[in-house]
Amino acid sequence: MTPADLSLTVRRAVRRAVDDGALRVDVPPRVKVEKARPGGVGEYASSVALSLARPAGRSALDVASVLKERLDGADGILAVDITGPGFLNFTLRRADAAALPREIAAAGTAYGRGDALAGRTVRFAPAREARAAVVTDCLVGLLRGQGADAGTAPGGERLHIHPGAYEPARLGTDAARWRLLRPALHDRPPDGDALLVRHERNGLFRVRYAHSRARRLLVNGADLGVLSDAPSDAAADVPADAAADTTAAALTGLLREYPGVLLSAARFRAPDRVARHAEAVADALLDFQHAVLPRGDEKPSAAHRARLALAEAAGTVLAGGLSVLGISAPDRI
């Protein structure tokens, strides 16, 4: 279950409580769900009960209890706890470790797209300067990827963007787009010279390099007899590797968050969220890559097959994120 799925599940619980007469409030258009803070319970939390308490004429704890009754046992939720003045805290069920890579493989670079914004119409004012044109183009794609009817029209929504020069001739289109989309809209684009250097400090290089490493791992895996789509249920064949498990968990968490990143980027007009998430996935994949394939005298195992499938999924997400930004994802760098 992604944060976006959880948000919809909580909103449906509010709707059921209203339909049942347990709460007399207007159902919010969306419910904010965020990661639980340090010291909290579970993985995610929502303050929806606190925001509904006053209009409901009840305490936040009462509202939280009403919602908890309708959330207990929901698909994907292992436990719901109420903490503090009325926060709802969620512990999610752990899916089959192979389920997420399979889901990403089936969807390809379309993974993360959905219909959360279906029925909404968004029109942006025609861009008057180069950075605004790039941002508008990206946002239209993000919104359409979430089911919205998006485009440009006179009198449309005007974006508040710090101006920036567009230098495709010197930087190349990919680097120029990254330069203008990676900063938050209100921030000044950095000097583009750093994007011309193949170095770990160059975020675009790291993302594209990590994607190329994922592709290369597939080639090397085939040479070694490791197939990412082979069955991987032989638990006894999995060697213990705490470091690999830790890095795999971090990478898996980022891949699971990707659909929510796309949705929030569309909702909040923030393509920089996609770029920053791609950097995080790239860093996690580069940490993980050394544990993917057999080393020395190791024989191909279920663990290697599962790790290769996860690396392949990460490469797919990186390619999808770059595509959303209008940037190419070469197989080799």
Protein backbone atom coordinates (compact mmCIF):
# COMPACT_ATOMS: atom_id res chain seq x y z
CA MET A 1 0.00 0.00 0.00
CA THR A 2 1.39 3.40 -1.02
CA PRO A 3 0.81 6.64 0.93
CA ALA A 4 -1.63 7.67 -1.80
CA ASP A 5 -3.56 4.40 -1.34
CA LEU A 6 -3.60 4.93 2.42
CA SER A 7 -4.88 8.48 2.00
CA LEU A 8 -7.77 7.23 -0.14
CA THR A 9 -8.51 4.45 2.38
CA VAL A 10 -8.74 6.94 5.26
CA ARG A 11 -10.94 9.27 3.20
CA ARG A 12 -13.27 6.35 2.44
CA ALA A 13 -13.47 5.64 6.18
CA VAL A 14 -14.54 9.27 6.76
CA ARG A 15 -17.16 8.90 4.02
CA ARG A 16 -18.53 5.70 5.62
CA ALA A 17 -18.68 7.39 9.03
CA VAL A 18 -20.66 10.28 7.52
CA ASP A 19 -22.98 7.94 5.61
CA ASP A 20 -23.56 5.92 8.81
CA GLY A 21 -24.43 9.07 10.74
CA ALA A 22 -21.50 8.54 13.11
CA LEU A 23 -20.00 11.89 12.03
CA ARG A 24 -21.67 15.03 10.79
CA VAL A 25 -18.98 16.76 8.76
CA ASP A 26 -18.13 17.54 5.18
CA VAL A 27 -15.90 14.85 3.75
CA PRO A 28 -12.52 16.50 3.00
CA PRO A 29 -11.41 16.45 -0.64
CA ARG A 30 -8.22 14.69 0.44
CA VAL A 31 -6.65 13.35 3.61
CA LYS A 32 -3.03 14.12 4.39
CA VAL A 33 -0.92 11.12 5.35
CA GLU A 34 2.75 11.47 6.24
CA LYS A 35 5.52 9.34 7.64
CA ALA A 36 5.29 8.80 11.39
CA ARG A 37 7.70 10.99 13.28
CA PRO A 38 10.55 9.54 15.37
CA GLY A 39 9.14 7.97 18.51
CA GLY A 40 5.72 7.54 16.91
CA VAL A 41 3.81 4.33 16.31
CA GLY A 42 3.75 2.55 12.96
CA GLU A 43 4.95 3.86 9.63
CA TYR A 44 2.43 6.57 8.72
CA ALA A 45 0.21 9.00 10.58
CA SER A 46 -2.70 11.34 9.88
CA SER A 47 -4.12 14.30 11.79
CA VAL A 48 -7.50 14.05 10.03
CA ALA A 49 -9.36 13.45 13.33
CA LEU A 50 -7.98 16.71 14.74
CA SER A 51 -9.11 18.69 11.70
CA LEU A 52 -12.61 17.16 11.82
CA ALA A 53 -13.12 17.49 15.57
CA ARG A 54 -14.39 21.10 15.67
CA PRO A 55 -16.85 20.81 12.74
CA ALA A 56 -18.07 17.50 14.18
CA GLY A 57 -18.60 19.07 17.61
CA ARG A 58 -16.67 16.23 19.25
CA SER A 59 -13.23 15.65 20.67
CA ALA A 60 -10.47 14.56 18.33
CA LEU A 61 -10.11 11.33 20.31
CA ASP A 62 -13.80 10.53 19.71
CA VAL A 63 -13.44 11.20 15.99
CA ALA A 64 -10.28 9.10 15.84
CA SER A 65 -12.11 6.22 17.56
CA VAL A 66 -14.94 6.41 15.02
CA LEU A 67 -12.48 6.27 12.14
CA LYS A 68 -10.39 3.52 13.74
CA GLU A 69 -13.47 1.26 13.85
CA ARG A 70 -13.81 1.65 10.09
CA LEU A 71 -10.10 1.25 9.35
CA ASP A 72 -9.33 -1.84 11.42
CA GLY A 73 -8.88 -4.79 9.09
CA ALA A 74 -8.74 -2.71 5.92
CA ASP A 75 -6.72 -4.20 3.08
CA GLY A 76 -3.05 -3.42 3.49
CA ILE A 77 -3.35 -2.17 7.08
CA LEU A 78 -2.00 -4.34 9.87
CA ALA A 79 -2.81 -2.06 12.81
CA VAL A 80 -4.32 1.35 13.58
CA ASP A 81 -3.29 3.13 16.78
CA ILE A 82 -4.48 6.40 18.30
CA THR A 83 -1.80 8.54 19.89
CA GLY A 84 -1.57 11.94 21.52
CA PRO A 85 -4.64 14.18 21.18
CA GLY A 86 -6.08 12.09 18.34
CA PHE A 87 -3.48 11.18 15.72
CA LEU A 88 -4.18 8.04 13.70
CA ASN A 89 -1.06 5.90 13.28
CA PHE A 90 -0.83 3.08 10.74
CA THR A 91 1.26 -0.05 10.52
CA LEU A 92 1.06 -1.56 7.05
CA ARG A 93 1.06 -5.21 6.11
CA ARG A 94 4.28 -6.43 4.54
CA ALA A 95 3.69 -7.75 1.06
CA ASP A 96 5.55 -10.59 -0.62
CA ALA A 97 9.08 -9.30 -1.23
CA ALA A 98 8.78 -10.15 -4.92
CA ALA A 99 5.40 -8.46 -5.37
CA LEU A 100 6.66 -4.91 -5.86
CA PRO A 101 9.30 -5.74 -8.51
CA ARG A 102 6.66 -7.80 -10.34
CA GLU A 103 4.22 -4.90 -10.20
CA ILE A 104 6.83 -2.48 -11.54
CA ALA A 105 7.90 -4.91 -14.27
CA ALA A 106 4.28 -5.29 -15.40
CA ALA A 107 3.66 -1.53 -15.51
CA GLY A 108 7.03 -0.54 -16.93
CA THR A 109 7.75 3.18 -16.95
CA ALA A 110 4.01 3.78 -16.46
CA TYR A 111 4.38 2.58 -12.85
CA GLY A 112 3.08 5.30 -10.56
CA ARG A 113 0.49 6.68 -12.94
CA GLY A 114 -3.12 6.53 -11.83
CA ASP A 115 -6.51 8.20 -11.81
CA ALA A 116 -6.43 10.00 -8.45
CA LEU A 117 -7.08 13.33 -10.21
CA ALA A 118 -9.62 12.02 -12.71
CA GLY A 119 -12.44 14.49 -13.30
CA ARG A 120 -10.28 17.54 -12.60
CA THR A 121 -9.55 20.13 -15.25
CA VAL A 122 -6.39 22.23 -14.97
CA ARG A 123 -5.38 24.98 -17.36
CA PHE A 124 -2.12 26.91 -17.04
CA ALA A 125 -1.57 30.36 -18.45
CA PRO A 126 0.61 30.27 -21.58
CA ALA A 127 4.28 30.55 -20.59
CA ARG A 128 6.05 33.83 -21.27
CA GLU A 129 9.62 32.78 -20.54
CA ALA A 130 11.75 29.71 -21.05
CA ARG A 131 11.73 28.19 -17.56
CA ALA A 132 7.98 28.64 -17.26
CA ALA A 133 7.54 26.79 -20.56
CA VAL A 134 9.62 23.83 -19.35
CA VAL A 135 7.85 23.68 -15.99
CA THR A 136 4.39 23.98 -17.55
CA ASP A 137 5.15 21.21 -20.03
CA CYS A 138 6.30 18.92 -17.19
CA LEU A 139 3.30 19.69 -14.98
CA VAL A 140 0.83 19.04 -17.78
CA GLY A 141 2.37 15.60 -18.21
CA LEU A 142 2.33 14.92 -14.46
CA LEU A 143 -1.34 15.89 -14.15
CA ARG A 144 -2.37 13.84 -17.16
CA GLY A 145 -0.50 10.91 -15.67
CA GLN A 146 -2.83 11.13 -12.66
CA GLY A 147 -5.98 11.28 -14.78
CA ALA A 148 -6.54 15.04 -14.91
CA ASP A 149 -7.51 16.97 -18.03
CA ALA A 150 -4.54 19.34 -18.21
CA GLY A 151 -3.31 21.88 -20.73
CA THR A 152 -2.82 25.60 -21.31
CA ALA A 153 -5.32 28.37 -22.02
CA PRO A 154 -5.47 32.17 -21.71
CA GLY A 155 -6.47 33.15 -18.19
CA GLY A 156 -5.30 29.82 -16.78
CA GLU A 157 -3.41 29.16 -13.57
CA ARG A 158 -0.26 31.26 -13.36
CA LEU A 159 2.83 29.64 -11.88
CA HIS A 160 5.10 31.65 -9.60
CA ILE A 161 8.53 30.75 -10.92
CA HIS A 162 11.92 32.27 -10.30
CA PRO A 163 13.15 33.13 -13.81
CA GLY A 164 16.05 31.24 -15.30
CA ALA A 165 17.86 31.19 -18.60
CA TYR A 166 17.47 28.17 -20.88
CA GLU A 167 20.73 27.03 -22.46
CA PRO A 168 20.09 24.00 -24.68
CA ALA A 169 22.92 24.84 -27.06
CA ARG A 170 25.60 24.78 -24.34
CA LEU A 171 24.18 22.28 -21.88
CA GLY A 172 22.13 20.07 -24.15
CA THR A 173 18.40 19.66 -23.75
CA ASP A 174 18.55 17.01 -20.98
CA ALA A 175 20.92 18.95 -18.73
CA ALA A 176 19.08 22.21 -19.39
CA ARG A 177 15.75 20.67 -18.38
CA TRP A 178 17.26 19.17 -15.22
CA ARG A 179 18.75 22.55 -14.31
CA LEU A 180 15.34 24.22 -14.55
CA LEU A 181 13.22 21.46 -12.99
CA ARG A 182 15.45 20.22 -10.14
CA PRO A 183 15.15 23.42 -7.99
CA ALA A 184 11.82 24.27 -6.35
CA LEU A 185 9.88 26.72 -8.53
CA HIS A 186 10.59 29.67 -6.25
CA ASP A 187 14.35 28.94 -6.17
CA ARG A 188 16.89 30.33 -8.58
CA PRO A 189 18.31 27.72 -10.98
CA PRO A 190 21.99 27.02 -10.25
CA ASP A 191 24.80 27.65 -12.69
CA GLY A 192 24.63 24.94 -15.33
CA ASP A 193 28.38 24.28 -15.54
CA ALA A 194 28.27 21.57 -12.84
CA LEU A 195 25.89 19.54 -15.02
CA LEU A 196 28.60 19.18 -17.66
CA VAL A 197 30.87 17.26 -15.26
CA ARG A 198 30.61 13.49 -14.73
CA HIS A 199 30.86 13.52 -10.98
CA GLU A 200 28.85 12.25 -8.01
CA ARG A 201 28.01 15.85 -7.12
CA ASN A 202 26.13 16.08 -10.41
CA GLY A 203 22.66 14.79 -9.57
CA LEU A 204 21.65 14.22 -13.19
CA PHE A 205 24.80 12.19 -13.84
CA ARG A 206 24.15 10.05 -10.73
CA VAL A 207 20.59 9.30 -11.79
CA ARG A 208 21.49 8.40 -15.36
CA TYR A 209 24.55 6.44 -14.26
CA ALA A 210 22.47 4.44 -11.75
CA HIS A 211 19.97 3.65 -14.52
CA SER A 212 22.79 2.44 -16.76
CA ARG A 213 24.14 0.30 -13.89
CA ALA A 214 20.73 -1.36 -13.51
CA ARG A 215 20.72 -2.19 -17.21
CA ARG A 216 24.27 -3.53 -17.02
CA LEU A 217 23.40 -5.72 -14.04
CA LEU A 218 20.75 -7.43 -16.18
CA VAL A 219 23.31 -8.16 -18.90
CA ASN A 220 25.86 -9.45 -16.39
CA GLY A 221 23.19 -11.42 -14.58
CA ALA A 222 22.21 -13.20 -17.79
CA ASP A 223 25.85 -14.07 -18.41
CA LEU A 224 26.08 -15.58 -14.90
CA GLY A 225 22.82 -17.48 -15.22
CA VAL A 226 20.84 -15.20 -12.88
CA LEU A 227 17.37 -14.41 -14.23
CA SER A 228 15.43 -11.58 -12.59
CA ASP A 229 12.07 -13.13 -13.53
CA ALA A 230 12.86 -16.65 -12.29
CA PRO A 231 10.98 -18.08 -9.28
CA SER A 232 12.59 -16.99 -6.03
CA ASP A 233 10.74 -18.92 -3.36
CA ALA A 234 13.57 -21.21 -2.26
CA ALA A 235 14.15 -19.62 1.13
CA ALA A 236 16.79 -22.18 2.06
CA ASP A 237 18.86 -21.01 -0.90
CA VAL A 238 19.09 -17.42 0.38
CA PRO A 239 22.47 -16.63 1.98
CA ALA A 240 22.45 -14.36 5.00
CA ASP A 241 23.64 -10.86 4.11
CA ALA A 242 22.60 -8.20 6.60
CA ALA A 243 24.11 -5.37 4.54
CA ALA A 244 22.23 -6.46 1.41
CA ASP A 245 19.00 -6.77 3.39
CA THR A 246 19.40 -3.25 4.77
CA THR A 247 20.13 -1.61 1.43
CA ALA A 248 17.39 -3.64 -0.26
CA ALA A 249 14.87 -2.45 2.33
CA ALA A 250 15.86 1.18 1.78
CA LEU A 251 15.57 0.81 -1.99
CA THR A 252 12.24 -1.02 -1.74
CA GLY A 253 10.81 1.75 0.43
CA LEU A 254 11.76 4.39 -2.14
CA LEU A 255 10.23 2.40 -5.00
CA ARG A 256 7.04 1.97 -3.01
CA GLU A 257 6.87 5.73 -2.42
CA TYR A 258 7.25 6.65 -6.09
CA PRO A 259 3.51 6.71 -7.00
CA GLY A 260 2.88 9.08 -4.09
CA VAL A 261 5.76 11.29 -5.24
CA LEU A 262 4.22 11.62 -8.71
CA LEU A 263 0.81 12.43 -7.25
CA SER A 264 2.15 15.05 -4.84
CA ALA A 265 4.30 16.59 -7.60
CA ALA A 266 1.17 17.01 -9.71
CA ARG A 267 -1.01 18.29 -6.88
CA PHE A 268 1.47 20.79 -5.51
CA ARG A 269 3.00 21.87 -8.84
CA ALA A 270 6.39 20.57 -7.73
CA PRO A 271 8.32 18.68 -10.42
CA ASP A 272 11.42 19.08 -8.25
CA ARG A 273 9.99 16.31 -6.04
CA VAL A 274 10.38 13.85 -8.90
CA ALA A 275 13.99 14.90 -9.48
CA ARG A 276 14.88 14.68 -5.78
CA HIS A 277 13.24 11.27 -5.48
CA ALA A 278 15.18 10.06 -8.52
CA GLU A 279 18.41 11.13 -6.81
CA ALA A 280 17.43 9.18 -3.69
CA VAL A 281 16.62 6.05 -5.73
CA ALA A 282 19.91 6.39 -7.61
CA ASP A 283 21.91 6.66 -4.40
CA ALA A 284 20.14 3.65 -2.89
CA LEU A 285 20.67 1.58 -6.04
CA LEU A 286 24.36 2.45 -6.22
CA ASP A 287 24.73 1.34 -2.58
CA PHE A 288 22.87 -1.88 -3.36
CA GLN A 289 24.46 -2.83 -6.69
CA HIS A 290 27.47 -4.67 -5.24
CA ALA A 291 25.25 -7.22 -3.45
CA VAL A 292 23.12 -8.11 -6.47
CA LEU A 293 25.13 -10.72 -8.37
CA PRO A 294 27.21 -13.71 -7.25
CA ARG A 295 30.79 -12.94 -6.25
CA GLY A 296 33.78 -15.26 -6.29
CA ASP A 297 32.65 -18.88 -6.03
CA GLU A 298 29.04 -18.05 -5.13
CA LYS A 299 26.40 -19.92 -7.10
CA PRO A 300 23.32 -18.13 -8.47
CA SER A 301 20.61 -18.34 -5.82
CA ALA A 302 17.09 -17.22 -5.07
CA ALA A 303 18.56 -14.23 -3.24
CA HIS A 304 20.47 -13.14 -6.35
CA ARG A 305 17.36 -13.50 -8.49
CA ALA A 306 15.33 -11.40 -6.05
CA ARG A 307 18.04 -8.73 -5.82
CA LEU A 308 18.37 -8.54 -9.58
CA ALA A 309 14.61 -8.12 -9.91
CA LEU A 310 14.76 -5.28 -7.38
CA ALA A 311 17.64 -3.61 -9.24
CA GLU A 312 15.72 -3.93 -12.50
CA ALA A 313 12.68 -2.34 -10.84
CA ALA A 314 14.82 0.55 -9.62
CA GLY A 315 16.12 1.10 -13.14
CA THR A 316 12.56 1.16 -14.43
CA VAL A 317 11.54 3.76 -11.85
CA LEU A 318 14.57 5.90 -12.71
CA ALA A 319 13.71 5.72 -16.42
CA GLY A 320 10.11 6.62 -15.63
CA GLY A 321 11.10 9.57 -13.45
CA LEU A 322 13.46 10.92 -16.09
CA SER A 323 10.76 10.48 -18.71
CA VAL A 324 8.33 12.52 -16.62
CA LEU A 325 10.93 15.30 -16.58
CA GLY A 326 11.40 15.02 -20.34
CA ILE A 327 14.95 13.65 -19.97
CA SER A 328 16.43 10.61 -21.70
CA ALA A 329 17.69 7.54 -19.82
CA PRO A 330 20.58 5.99 -21.78
CA ASP A 331 21.38 2.32 -21.19
CA ARG A 332 25.10 3.03 -21.18
CA ILE A 333 27.15 6.01 -19.95
